[in-house]
Amino acid sequence: MKHRHFGLKSLAFLFIVFIPLILVSCSRNGEPRFRDVENLNPEKPSNLELIRRKGILKVVTEFNSISYFIYRGQPMGFQYEMLQELANHMKLELEVKVSNDLEKNFSDLEEGKVDLIAMNLTVTSERKEKVAFTVPLLQTRQVLVQRKPNRWEEMNQKQLESSLIRNQLDLSGKTVYVQSGSVYAERLRSLSDEIGGGIRISGVQLESEQLVQRVALGEIDYAICDENVGIVNTLYFPQLDVETAISFPQNVAWAVQLDSDSLRAEINDWLVNYRKSSGYAVLYNKYFKNRHSARNIHSEFYTLSSGKISRYDDIIKKESERINWDWRLLASMIYQESRFNPEAESWAGAYGLMQLMPNTADNYGITKTSPPAAQIRAGASFIKWLDDRFLDVIPDKDERIKFVLASYNIGFGHIQDARRLAERYGDNPNIWQGCVEEWLLKKADPQYYSDPVVKYGYARGIETYNFVNEVMARYEHYKNIVNSDVMAAWRPIAEIHLASSQ
């Protein structure tokens, strides 16, 4: 027994001394691997867990009259509203990026720049090698987009049909435009082979709906799009025909990274239930079956078409330049305050486009009957005054904007109180998110609004917290859509509207 006991001790000693040496000798490239002892069974967090830790779901979607756009100052769209429902379900903040470049979107997903591609992606075996698809959103077919002949309204059905391509063989010798990187080009190549060649396929960096609108304008004769997109566009542009199918029904879905099993499962569970809900039915009908949508796209408030956010854009741009703000930020703030209604009044007595309180309005010579230009100028001047108060202590302009917005909403004094509380309790008084915003919320608690550093007492900070978040979120939407690249791509919509009204 004595010798056996000694042997166990010896074995333990040998294990402690020599096992690390073995691990070192087995190191890759001759480098020590002591850390590998700690990671023999590493638990790598899933993509879903990493997303939850950040609290943000990063998505990329397309800009068009169905998926994502701005109307009357508010972000809208079938994809956007579904994404917002998903983010709410997951209790995450939604961060939307827009791009109609399919190859770039796939690349950004692979590199982890986005978590989800939220577009009507056709599910193909080739794409399944690059991405993991969710359960289908819907089914659709690829259709030929062509223009009806002049004076088509005066034709009978037989005459109209004879003037249009109904047999796919008749595409031989025709030039058909498709979005680069899309499945439409693959289908056309297969079709061209089937009919003995002759279809000229032109791939361009334009989203399919943009090509549809160029057909309507007469710039090109033929394009390909999904049937549901084509049907919606015939509501906008009745001169289009989309009744010639060139494919069988196909599934369309969203996409995540190949190894994002947990995220895909979470989205799938939600999608399966959501698609059965009345909310989904309402949303689908709103964007795919609503005949009133045609009025939206021709409206001056449909931003993709007009480039406008509101009827006051020119004034907003002028005043924003004066105070060195992005005009889209000021527009987002005005929307939040008044929905661009110059006669708006709040329960607290604030009024006008900028919702100035009576005392502040008096300081800038504004009354309830002042014209919109004067109202916006007064509000911009007040913004400048607030910005000057923070200029020396918060030199970073992007950070300072949040303090200005908060002060505009609840008052400069309450924000100073929140900054003093932050400093007293060890937080940075010059950082809004996660610092001062939290102490503003605490000003509704007697423990904190009674603190000696607080000079302005109780404040219900939740409205201001939401105000800053909502203004900044809408500002991001405005930047997504109201920029030179997007406006250049969509300029023909306004021309189509002009042509169809003449």
Protein backbone atom coordinates (compact mmCIF):
# COMPACT_ATOMS: atom_id res chain seq x y z
CA MET A 1 0.00 0.00 0.00
CA LYS A 2 2.83 2.34 0.85
CA HIS A 3 4.55 1.83 -2.49
CA ARG A 4 1.24 2.19 -4.38
CA HIS A 5 0.51 5.49 -2.66
CA PHE A 6 3.95 6.77 -3.61
CA GLY A 7 3.34 5.69 -7.20
CA LEU A 8 0.15 7.74 -7.50
CA LYS A 9 1.97 10.81 -6.23
CA SER A 10 4.72 10.24 -8.71
CA LEU A 11 2.27 9.91 -11.57
CA ALA A 12 0.57 13.12 -10.55
CA PHE A 13 3.94 14.86 -10.42
CA LEU A 14 4.87 13.57 -13.87
CA PHE A 15 1.52 14.74 -15.30
CA ILE A 16 1.94 18.25 -13.89
CA VAL A 17 5.53 18.61 -15.08
CA PHE A 18 5.59 16.88 -18.45
CA ILE A 19 2.16 17.44 -20.03
CA PRO A 20 2.79 21.22 -20.58
CA LEU A 21 6.14 20.29 -22.14
CA ILE A 22 4.40 17.87 -24.51
CA LEU A 23 1.95 20.60 -25.47
CA VAL A 24 4.84 22.98 -26.10
CA SER A 25 6.66 20.40 -28.23
CA CYS A 26 3.48 19.86 -30.28
CA SER A 27 3.09 23.54 -31.02
CA ARG A 28 2.56 24.71 -34.57
CA ASN A 29 5.57 26.35 -36.25
CA GLY A 30 7.66 25.64 -33.16
CA GLU A 31 5.87 28.33 -31.11
CA PRO A 32 4.74 27.62 -27.53
CA ARG A 33 1.04 26.78 -27.16
CA PHE A 34 0.49 27.24 -23.43
CA ARG A 35 -2.78 29.04 -24.17
CA ASP A 36 -4.11 25.92 -25.89
CA VAL A 37 -4.42 24.36 -22.42
CA GLU A 38 -7.16 26.90 -21.72
CA ASN A 39 -8.89 26.28 -25.04
CA LEU A 40 -9.00 22.53 -25.36
CA ASN A 41 -12.82 22.81 -25.50
CA PRO A 42 -13.50 26.37 -26.55
CA GLU A 43 -17.15 27.40 -26.72
CA LYS A 44 -17.39 29.70 -29.71
CA PRO A 45 -20.44 31.97 -29.48
CA SER A 46 -22.96 31.58 -32.30
CA ASN A 47 -23.65 34.35 -34.76
CA LEU A 48 -27.02 34.89 -33.10
CA GLU A 49 -25.38 35.27 -29.70
CA LEU A 50 -22.89 37.79 -31.08
CA ILE A 51 -25.73 39.77 -32.65
CA ARG A 52 -27.64 39.78 -29.37
CA ARG A 53 -24.56 41.01 -27.51
CA LYS A 54 -24.30 43.98 -29.87
CA GLY A 55 -28.05 44.54 -29.79
CA ILE A 56 -28.16 45.35 -33.51
CA LEU A 57 -29.43 43.39 -36.50
CA LYS A 58 -27.55 44.63 -39.58
CA VAL A 59 -29.39 44.07 -42.85
CA VAL A 60 -29.04 45.11 -46.46
CA THR A 61 -32.08 45.54 -48.66
CA GLU A 62 -32.90 47.08 -52.02
CA PHE A 63 -34.46 50.45 -52.70
CA ASN A 64 -37.53 50.44 -54.92
CA SER A 65 -41.24 51.13 -54.78
CA ILE A 66 -41.97 47.86 -52.98
CA SER A 67 -39.08 46.89 -50.72
CA TYR A 68 -37.88 50.14 -49.14
CA PHE A 69 -38.59 53.81 -49.81
CA ILE A 70 -39.56 57.10 -48.19
CA TYR A 71 -43.12 58.43 -48.51
CA ARG A 72 -44.33 61.60 -46.77
CA GLY A 73 -41.15 61.63 -44.74
CA GLN A 74 -41.59 58.13 -43.36
CA PRO A 75 -39.62 54.96 -44.24
CA MET A 76 -41.89 52.31 -45.74
CA GLY A 77 -41.75 49.12 -47.82
CA PHE A 78 -42.63 45.44 -47.75
CA GLN A 79 -39.13 44.32 -46.83
CA TYR A 80 -38.58 47.20 -44.39
CA GLU A 81 -41.79 46.64 -42.45
CA MET A 82 -41.15 42.90 -42.22
CA LEU A 83 -37.62 43.58 -41.00
CA GLN A 84 -38.90 45.99 -38.37
CA GLU A 85 -41.33 43.32 -37.14
CA LEU A 86 -38.48 40.80 -37.01
CA ALA A 87 -36.19 43.18 -35.10
CA ASN A 88 -38.98 43.94 -32.62
CA HIS A 89 -39.55 40.21 -32.13
CA MET A 90 -35.84 39.66 -31.50
CA LYS A 91 -35.66 42.78 -29.30
CA LEU A 92 -32.87 44.21 -31.44
CA GLU A 93 -32.20 47.56 -33.03
CA LEU A 94 -32.57 47.44 -36.81
CA GLU A 95 -29.72 48.91 -38.88
CA VAL A 96 -30.63 49.14 -42.56
CA LYS A 97 -28.17 49.49 -45.41
CA VAL A 98 -29.37 49.79 -48.99
CA SER A 99 -27.73 48.47 -52.12
CA ASN A 100 -29.04 47.09 -55.38
CA ASP A 101 -25.64 45.59 -56.22
CA LEU A 102 -26.23 41.86 -55.72
CA GLU A 103 -22.59 40.82 -55.91
CA LYS A 104 -21.60 43.43 -53.32
CA ASN A 105 -24.42 42.33 -51.04
CA PHE A 106 -23.28 38.71 -51.16
CA SER A 107 -19.71 39.87 -50.51
CA ASP A 108 -20.75 42.03 -47.54
CA LEU A 109 -22.64 39.09 -46.06
CA GLU A 110 -19.66 36.77 -46.45
CA GLU A 111 -17.36 39.36 -44.81
CA GLY A 112 -19.76 39.88 -41.90
CA LYS A 113 -20.56 43.50 -42.74
CA VAL A 114 -24.25 42.58 -42.66
CA ASP A 115 -26.08 39.78 -40.89
CA LEU A 116 -28.89 39.34 -43.39
CA ILE A 117 -29.68 40.05 -47.05
CA ALA A 118 -33.36 40.96 -47.01
CA MET A 119 -34.35 40.95 -50.65
CA ASN A 120 -36.47 38.76 -52.91
CA LEU A 121 -33.58 36.42 -53.64
CA THR A 122 -34.43 33.52 -55.92
CA VAL A 123 -33.33 30.27 -54.31
CA THR A 124 -30.92 28.40 -56.60
CA SER A 125 -28.50 25.50 -56.09
CA GLU A 126 -25.58 27.72 -57.10
CA ARG A 127 -26.46 30.34 -54.51
CA LYS A 128 -26.90 27.66 -51.84
CA GLU A 129 -23.15 27.08 -52.08
CA LYS A 130 -22.53 30.69 -50.97
CA VAL A 131 -25.36 31.48 -48.54
CA ALA A 132 -27.97 29.81 -46.35
CA PHE A 133 -31.54 30.68 -47.29
CA THR A 134 -34.43 31.17 -44.92
CA VAL A 135 -37.77 29.52 -45.50
CA PRO A 136 -39.42 31.09 -48.58
CA LEU A 137 -41.10 34.46 -48.28
CA LEU A 138 -43.26 33.75 -51.31
CA GLN A 139 -43.25 32.18 -54.76
CA THR A 140 -43.08 34.03 -58.05
CA ARG A 141 -42.17 33.57 -61.73
CA GLN A 142 -39.82 35.49 -63.97
CA VAL A 143 -41.71 37.47 -66.60
CA LEU A 144 -40.87 39.48 -69.69
CA VAL A 145 -41.51 43.19 -69.35
CA GLN A 146 -42.56 44.83 -72.61
CA ARG A 147 -44.34 47.98 -73.66
CA LYS A 148 -47.76 47.99 -75.24
CA PRO A 149 -47.98 49.73 -78.63
CA ASN A 150 -49.08 53.34 -79.08
CA ARG A 151 -52.83 53.85 -78.79
CA TRP A 152 -53.17 50.42 -77.19
CA GLU A 153 -56.29 51.59 -75.37
CA GLU A 154 -58.13 51.70 -78.71
CA MET A 155 -57.23 48.11 -79.67
CA ASN A 156 -59.36 45.04 -79.07
CA GLN A 157 -57.85 42.14 -77.16
CA LYS A 158 -56.89 40.17 -80.29
CA GLN A 159 -55.08 43.15 -81.83
CA LEU A 160 -53.27 43.84 -78.58
CA GLU A 161 -52.17 40.24 -78.16
CA SER A 162 -50.83 40.05 -81.71
CA SER A 163 -48.61 43.09 -81.07
CA LEU A 164 -46.92 41.56 -78.02
CA ILE A 165 -44.42 38.73 -77.53
CA ARG A 166 -46.24 35.72 -76.17
CA ASN A 167 -44.06 32.94 -77.60
CA GLN A 168 -40.57 32.74 -76.07
CA LEU A 169 -39.20 31.77 -79.51
CA ASP A 170 -39.93 35.31 -80.64
CA LEU A 171 -37.25 36.66 -78.28
CA SER A 172 -34.62 35.49 -80.78
CA GLY A 173 -32.83 38.56 -82.14
CA LYS A 174 -34.10 40.77 -79.32
CA THR A 175 -31.99 42.57 -76.68
CA VAL A 176 -33.22 41.90 -73.16
CA TYR A 177 -31.86 43.83 -70.16
CA VAL A 178 -31.32 42.17 -66.78
CA GLN A 179 -29.78 43.07 -63.45
CA SER A 180 -26.14 41.92 -63.28
CA GLY A 181 -25.60 38.97 -60.98
CA SER A 182 -29.30 38.06 -61.00
CA VAL A 183 -30.89 34.73 -61.85
CA TYR A 184 -32.63 36.39 -64.80
CA ALA A 185 -29.46 36.24 -66.89
CA GLU A 186 -29.06 32.51 -66.14
CA ARG A 187 -32.62 31.81 -67.19
CA LEU A 188 -32.25 33.81 -70.40
CA ARG A 189 -29.06 31.96 -71.31
CA SER A 190 -30.82 28.64 -70.81
CA LEU A 191 -33.79 29.85 -72.82
CA SER A 192 -31.53 31.10 -75.60
CA ASP A 193 -29.88 27.68 -75.78
CA GLU A 194 -33.29 26.00 -75.86
CA ILE A 195 -34.46 28.04 -78.85
CA GLY A 196 -31.17 27.77 -80.74
CA GLY A 197 -29.56 31.02 -79.60
CA GLY A 198 -30.18 34.57 -80.68
CA ILE A 199 -31.27 36.31 -77.46
CA ARG A 200 -28.94 39.23 -76.75
CA ILE A 201 -28.57 39.50 -72.96
CA SER A 202 -27.44 42.83 -71.53
CA GLY A 203 -26.49 42.72 -67.83
CA VAL A 204 -26.43 46.15 -66.17
CA GLN A 205 -25.96 47.46 -62.63
CA LEU A 206 -29.58 48.45 -62.21
CA GLU A 207 -32.20 46.84 -60.00
CA SER A 208 -34.96 45.04 -61.92
CA GLU A 209 -37.62 47.61 -61.07
CA GLN A 210 -35.41 50.36 -62.43
CA LEU A 211 -35.22 48.42 -65.69
CA VAL A 212 -39.00 48.03 -65.68
CA GLN A 213 -39.35 51.78 -65.50
CA ARG A 214 -36.91 52.27 -68.36
CA VAL A 215 -39.11 50.01 -70.47
CA ALA A 216 -42.08 52.20 -69.54
CA LEU A 217 -40.11 55.30 -70.52
CA GLY A 218 -39.17 53.80 -73.87
CA GLU A 219 -35.41 53.78 -73.24
CA ILE A 220 -35.26 50.00 -73.66
CA ASP A 221 -37.73 47.52 -75.12
CA TYR A 222 -37.43 44.43 -72.94
CA ALA A 223 -36.44 43.52 -69.38
CA ILE A 224 -37.00 40.68 -66.92
CA CYS A 225 -38.41 40.91 -63.40
CA ASP A 226 -40.32 38.86 -60.86
CA GLU A 227 -44.02 38.60 -61.64
CA ASN A 228 -45.18 40.22 -58.39
CA VAL A 229 -42.91 43.21 -59.00
CA GLY A 230 -44.14 43.44 -62.60
CA ILE A 231 -47.80 43.36 -61.59
CA VAL A 232 -47.29 46.16 -59.08
CA ASN A 233 -45.57 48.28 -61.72
CA THR A 234 -48.45 47.85 -64.17
CA LEU A 235 -50.54 49.67 -61.57
CA TYR A 236 -48.10 52.57 -61.81
CA PHE A 237 -47.55 52.33 -65.56
CA PRO A 238 -50.50 50.77 -67.44
CA GLN A 239 -48.55 50.93 -70.72
CA LEU A 240 -46.53 47.90 -69.51
CA ASP A 241 -47.29 44.23 -70.13
CA VAL A 242 -45.90 41.49 -67.86
CA GLU A 243 -48.03 38.49 -68.83
CA THR A 244 -45.37 36.49 -70.69
CA ALA A 245 -43.70 34.08 -68.26
CA ILE A 246 -40.17 32.83 -68.96
CA SER A 247 -39.76 30.52 -65.95
CA PHE A 248 -41.64 28.15 -63.69
CA PRO A 249 -42.64 29.34 -60.19
CA GLN A 250 -39.60 29.80 -57.95
CA ASN A 251 -39.08 30.35 -54.22
CA VAL A 252 -37.68 33.66 -53.04
CA ALA A 253 -36.13 34.08 -49.60
CA TRP A 254 -33.71 36.02 -47.41
CA ALA A 255 -30.09 34.90 -46.92
CA VAL A 256 -27.64 34.58 -44.03
CA GLN A 257 -24.08 33.28 -43.83
CA LEU A 258 -23.61 29.55 -44.39
CA ASP A 259 -22.55 28.98 -40.77
CA SER A 260 -25.31 31.13 -39.22
CA ASP A 261 -27.46 28.16 -38.22
CA SER A 262 -28.79 29.72 -35.01
CA LEU A 263 -29.72 33.01 -36.71
CA ARG A 264 -31.34 31.18 -39.60
CA ALA A 265 -33.35 29.01 -37.20
CA GLU A 266 -34.52 32.07 -35.26
CA ILE A 267 -35.62 33.86 -38.43
CA ASN A 268 -37.28 30.73 -39.81
CA ASP A 269 -39.31 30.17 -36.64
CA TRP A 270 -40.51 33.76 -36.79
CA LEU A 271 -41.23 33.70 -40.54
CA VAL A 272 -43.29 30.50 -40.35
CA ASN A 273 -45.55 32.03 -37.71
CA TYR A 274 -45.59 35.53 -39.16
CA ARG A 275 -46.64 34.36 -42.62
CA LYS A 276 -49.74 32.78 -41.05
CA SER A 277 -50.71 36.01 -39.29
CA SER A 278 -53.25 38.62 -40.30
CA GLY A 279 -50.46 41.19 -40.06
CA TYR A 280 -48.59 39.54 -42.92
CA ALA A 281 -51.76 39.35 -45.03
CA VAL A 282 -52.37 43.06 -44.50
CA LEU A 283 -48.75 43.87 -45.33
CA TYR A 284 -48.75 41.76 -48.51
CA ASN A 285 -51.99 43.30 -49.75
CA LYS A 286 -50.71 46.78 -48.92
CA TYR A 287 -47.71 46.46 -51.23
CA PHE A 288 -48.75 43.92 -53.86
CA LYS A 289 -52.49 44.35 -54.31
CA ASN A 290 -53.23 47.96 -53.38
CA ARG A 291 -54.33 49.94 -56.42
CA HIS A 292 -53.91 53.18 -54.50
CA SER A 293 -50.14 52.60 -54.57
CA ALA A 294 -50.07 54.13 -58.05
CA ARG A 295 -50.94 57.49 -56.55
CA ASN A 296 -48.03 57.23 -54.14
CA ILE A 297 -45.32 56.74 -56.75
CA HIS A 298 -46.50 59.77 -58.74
CA SER A 299 -46.78 61.93 -55.62
CA GLU A 300 -44.31 64.72 -54.94
CA PHE A 301 -43.86 63.13 -51.50
CA TYR A 302 -42.66 59.82 -52.93
CA THR A 303 -38.96 60.45 -52.40
CA LEU A 304 -37.58 57.97 -54.94
CA SER A 305 -39.62 59.71 -57.61
CA SER A 306 -39.34 63.35 -56.63
CA GLY A 307 -36.16 63.48 -54.56
CA LYS A 308 -38.18 65.42 -51.97
CA ILE A 309 -38.80 64.68 -48.33
CA SER A 310 -41.32 67.49 -47.80
CA ARG A 311 -42.73 70.57 -49.48
CA TYR A 312 -40.40 72.65 -47.31
CA ASP A 313 -37.13 71.12 -48.53
CA ASP A 314 -35.79 74.31 -50.08
CA ILE A 315 -36.30 76.25 -46.85
CA ILE A 316 -34.85 73.40 -44.78
CA LYS A 317 -31.77 73.24 -47.01
CA LYS A 318 -31.21 76.99 -46.72
CA GLU A 319 -31.53 77.05 -42.93
CA SER A 320 -29.45 73.88 -42.50
CA GLU A 321 -26.62 75.45 -44.45
CA ARG A 322 -26.80 78.50 -42.19
CA ILE A 323 -26.35 76.41 -39.03
CA ASN A 324 -24.00 73.84 -40.65
CA TRP A 325 -26.35 70.86 -40.30
CA ASP A 326 -27.19 68.15 -42.81
CA TRP A 327 -30.59 69.20 -44.18
CA ARG A 328 -31.80 65.61 -43.97
CA LEU A 329 -31.18 65.67 -40.21
CA LEU A 330 -33.20 68.87 -39.81
CA ALA A 331 -35.94 67.37 -41.97
CA SER A 332 -36.05 64.28 -39.74
CA MET A 333 -36.34 66.48 -36.67
CA ILE A 334 -39.18 68.53 -38.18
CA TYR A 335 -41.02 65.35 -39.13
CA GLN A 336 -40.68 64.15 -35.54
CA GLU A 337 -41.94 67.44 -34.17
CA SER A 338 -44.87 68.19 -36.46
CA ARG A 339 -45.10 65.70 -39.37
CA PHE A 340 -44.41 68.78 -41.55
CA ASN A 341 -47.69 70.38 -40.42
CA PRO A 342 -47.21 74.16 -39.85
CA GLU A 343 -50.46 74.30 -37.86
CA ALA A 344 -49.60 71.50 -35.44
CA GLU A 345 -50.12 72.18 -31.72
CA SER A 346 -49.15 70.01 -28.76
CA TRP A 347 -50.95 69.51 -25.46
CA ALA A 348 -48.12 71.44 -23.78
CA GLY A 349 -48.63 74.53 -25.94
CA ALA A 350 -45.81 74.07 -28.48
CA TYR A 351 -46.83 74.96 -32.01
CA GLY A 352 -45.80 75.11 -35.65
CA LEU A 353 -43.42 73.08 -37.77
CA MET A 354 -40.69 73.33 -35.16
CA GLN A 355 -42.98 72.96 -32.13
CA LEU A 356 -41.45 75.88 -30.28
CA MET A 357 -42.82 76.67 -26.83
CA PRO A 358 -44.45 80.13 -26.57
CA ASN A 359 -41.61 81.74 -24.59
CA THR A 360 -38.97 80.48 -27.03
CA ALA A 361 -41.11 81.46 -30.00
CA ASP A 362 -41.46 84.98 -28.57
CA ASN A 363 -37.69 85.27 -28.33
CA TYR A 364 -37.48 84.65 -32.08
CA GLY A 365 -40.50 86.74 -33.03
CA ILE A 366 -42.71 83.79 -33.97
CA THR A 367 -46.45 83.43 -33.52
CA LYS A 368 -48.96 80.74 -34.51
CA THR A 369 -49.68 82.60 -37.73
CA SER A 370 -46.03 82.96 -38.80
CA PRO A 371 -45.30 81.48 -42.26
CA PRO A 372 -43.38 78.17 -42.55
CA ALA A 373 -40.14 79.89 -43.60
CA ALA A 374 -40.15 82.02 -40.45
CA GLN A 375 -40.99 79.02 -38.27
CA ILE A 376 -38.12 76.95 -39.66
CA ARG A 377 -35.71 79.87 -39.40
CA ALA A 378 -36.63 80.40 -35.74
CA GLY A 379 -36.23 76.72 -34.93
CA ALA A 380 -32.88 76.57 -36.73
CA SER A 381 -31.70 79.64 -34.80
CA PHE A 382 -32.65 77.95 -31.53
CA ILE A 383 -30.72 74.84 -32.63
CA LYS A 384 -27.68 77.04 -33.33
CA TRP A 385 -27.99 78.61 -29.88
CA LEU A 386 -28.04 75.18 -28.25
CA ASP A 387 -25.16 73.95 -30.39
CA ASP A 388 -23.04 76.91 -29.26
CA ARG A 389 -23.69 75.99 -25.60
CA PHE A 390 -22.11 72.55 -26.14
CA LEU A 391 -19.41 73.51 -28.63
CA ASP A 392 -16.49 73.77 -26.19
CA VAL A 393 -17.32 70.73 -24.05
CA ILE A 394 -18.37 68.32 -26.83
CA PRO A 395 -16.17 69.05 -29.87
CA ASP A 396 -17.30 65.93 -31.77
CA LYS A 397 -20.14 67.17 -33.96
CA ASP A 398 -21.91 63.82 -34.35
CA GLU A 399 -22.00 63.38 -30.59
CA ARG A 400 -23.00 67.00 -29.98
CA ILE A 401 -26.01 66.66 -32.29
CA LYS A 402 -27.64 64.20 -29.86
CA PHE A 403 -27.25 66.65 -26.95
CA VAL A 404 -28.73 69.42 -29.07
CA LEU A 405 -31.71 67.27 -30.07
CA ALA A 406 -32.29 66.26 -26.46
CA SER A 407 -32.04 69.85 -25.23
CA TYR A 408 -34.41 71.04 -27.94
CA ASN A 409 -36.94 68.47 -26.79
CA ILE A 410 -36.77 68.72 -22.99
CA GLY A 411 -34.75 71.84 -22.24
CA PHE A 412 -31.09 72.70 -21.88
CA GLY A 413 -31.29 72.72 -18.05
CA HIS A 414 -32.50 69.13 -17.77
CA ILE A 415 -29.71 67.91 -20.03
CA GLN A 416 -27.16 69.78 -17.93
CA ASP A 417 -28.61 68.06 -14.86
CA ALA A 418 -28.20 64.68 -16.55
CA ARG A 419 -24.59 65.53 -17.45
CA ARG A 420 -23.86 66.50 -13.85
CA LEU A 421 -25.38 63.25 -12.60
CA ALA A 422 -23.29 61.29 -15.08
CA GLU A 423 -20.11 62.98 -13.90
CA ARG A 424 -21.03 62.54 -10.21
CA TYR A 425 -21.55 58.80 -10.62
CA GLY A 426 -18.52 58.11 -12.78
CA ASP A 427 -19.99 58.23 -16.32
CA ASN A 428 -18.77 60.38 -19.20
CA PRO A 429 -20.89 63.59 -19.26
CA ASN A 430 -20.00 64.17 -22.92
CA ILE A 431 -21.27 60.85 -24.32
CA TRP A 432 -24.99 60.52 -24.98
CA GLN A 433 -25.68 56.85 -25.72
CA GLY A 434 -25.27 54.62 -22.69
CA CYS A 435 -24.20 57.53 -20.48
CA VAL A 436 -26.10 60.82 -20.28
CA GLU A 437 -29.28 59.35 -21.79
CA GLU A 438 -29.39 56.87 -18.90
CA TRP A 439 -29.06 59.61 -16.31
CA LEU A 440 -31.78 61.63 -17.99
CA LEU A 441 -34.08 58.62 -17.56
CA LYS A 442 -33.13 58.51 -13.87
CA LYS A 443 -34.38 62.08 -13.40
CA ALA A 444 -37.85 60.57 -12.98
CA ASP A 445 -36.59 58.80 -9.82
CA PRO A 446 -36.70 60.80 -6.51
CA GLN A 447 -33.32 59.35 -5.55
CA TYR A 448 -31.75 61.24 -8.43
CA TYR A 449 -33.90 64.30 -9.09
CA SER A 450 -33.39 65.18 -5.40
CA ASP A 451 -29.62 64.89 -5.73
CA PRO A 452 -27.79 68.14 -4.83
CA VAL A 453 -26.26 68.44 -8.33
CA VAL A 454 -29.73 68.53 -9.92
CA LYS A 455 -30.99 72.09 -10.35
CA TYR A 456 -34.15 71.59 -12.42
CA GLY A 457 -35.84 68.77 -10.54
CA TYR A 458 -38.05 66.04 -11.94
CA ALA A 459 -38.04 65.24 -15.64
CA ARG A 460 -39.82 62.51 -17.57
CA GLY A 461 -36.88 61.61 -19.78
CA ILE A 462 -38.38 58.69 -21.70
CA GLU A 463 -39.95 60.99 -24.32
CA THR A 464 -36.62 62.69 -24.95
CA TYR A 465 -34.81 59.34 -25.02
CA ASN A 466 -37.22 58.15 -27.72
CA PHE A 467 -37.13 61.51 -29.52
CA VAL A 468 -33.35 61.38 -30.04
CA ASN A 469 -33.40 57.73 -31.10
CA GLU A 470 -36.26 58.20 -33.56
CA VAL A 471 -34.85 61.36 -35.14
CA MET A 472 -31.45 59.74 -35.61
CA ALA A 473 -32.95 56.50 -36.96
CA ARG A 474 -35.09 58.37 -39.51
CA TYR A 475 -32.06 60.45 -40.46
CA GLU A 476 -30.28 57.21 -41.41
CA HIS A 477 -33.25 56.26 -43.61
CA TYR A 478 -33.15 59.68 -45.28
CA LYS A 479 -29.43 59.27 -45.94
CA ASN A 480 -30.08 55.82 -47.42
CA ILE A 481 -32.58 57.11 -49.98
CA VAL A 482 -31.94 60.84 -50.42
CA ASN A 483 -28.44 60.70 -51.85
CA SER A 484 -26.95 61.39 -55.25
CA ASP A 485 -26.43 57.75 -56.27
CA VAL A 486 -29.99 56.67 -55.52
CA MET A 487 -31.54 59.80 -56.97
CA ALA A 488 -29.53 59.42 -60.19
CA ALA A 489 -30.67 55.83 -60.56
CA TRP A 490 -34.32 56.71 -60.03
CA ARG A 491 -34.56 59.99 -61.93
CA PRO A 492 -36.49 58.40 -64.84
CA ILE A 493 -39.51 57.81 -62.59
CA ALA A 494 -40.22 61.52 -62.56
CA GLU A 495 -39.74 61.61 -66.32
CA ILE A 496 -42.18 58.73 -66.78
CA HIS A 497 -44.74 60.56 -64.67
CA LEU A 498 -44.22 63.70 -66.74
CA ALA A 499 -44.51 61.79 -70.01
CA SER A 500 -47.64 59.96 -68.93
CA SER A 501 -49.32 63.21 -67.89
CA GLN A 502 -48.75 64.91 -71.22
